[in-house]
Amino acid sequence: MQVPLYQAKAEFFRMLGHPVRIRVLELLQHGPVPVRDLLADIEIEPSSLSQQLAVLRRSGIVVSIREGSTVRYALAGGDVAELLRAARRILTELLAGQNELLAELRQTDGAAPAATAVSAMPAGSAGSGRMPVGSQLAHTVPPSEVRGRGRK
C-alpha cells in the first residue's frame, strides 16, 4: 500500500527536525566538507555527529565521498539548499512580524510589560510557527502558560 503524499512529507520534515542535521545541511550548502571540519564547526561528540550523518545519508539527502582516509559529505542535490533558503525567508518574515507586534505592544502598553513577556518565552519558541504571525498577544505568552489555562 502506498503512503499518502502528506504522510511522506511529514516523515521528510521529521527527518529534518534535529538541530545538528540542519546545521550539517547548512555547512554542506557550499560544497563537500570533511567530517573533521563538520566536527570542528558543530562541536559535538564524534559518535553523535556520526548518528546524524547516518540519518541524512539513509534518507538520501547527503552522500559520503571517501578520498583516501578522509570522508567528505555533500548534498545529494541542490533542492535541499533551496529548502534551507526558503526556511530562512519564512523565519525572517515570522520574526519581522513578531518585531512589529512587539513595537505595537510597546506603544500601547509601555515597554516594560512587553519586554518581560517576550523575554520569558522559552528558548526556541520564537518563530516556532505555532501561531499565525498576525495573532494578537499570543506571541508574548509562553507555551507553558497557554497549556495551563482553563485548568484551574
Foldseek 3Di string as FASTA:
>chain_A
DDDDPVVVVVVVVVLCPDPLLLVVLVVQLVHKDWPVVSCVVVVDDPVVNVVNVVSCVVVQQKDWDDDPPTIIIHGNDNVSVVVSVVVVVLLVVLVVLVVVLLVVCCVPPNNVVQVVLQVPADPPPRSPPPDDSPDHCVNSHHPVVVVPPPVD
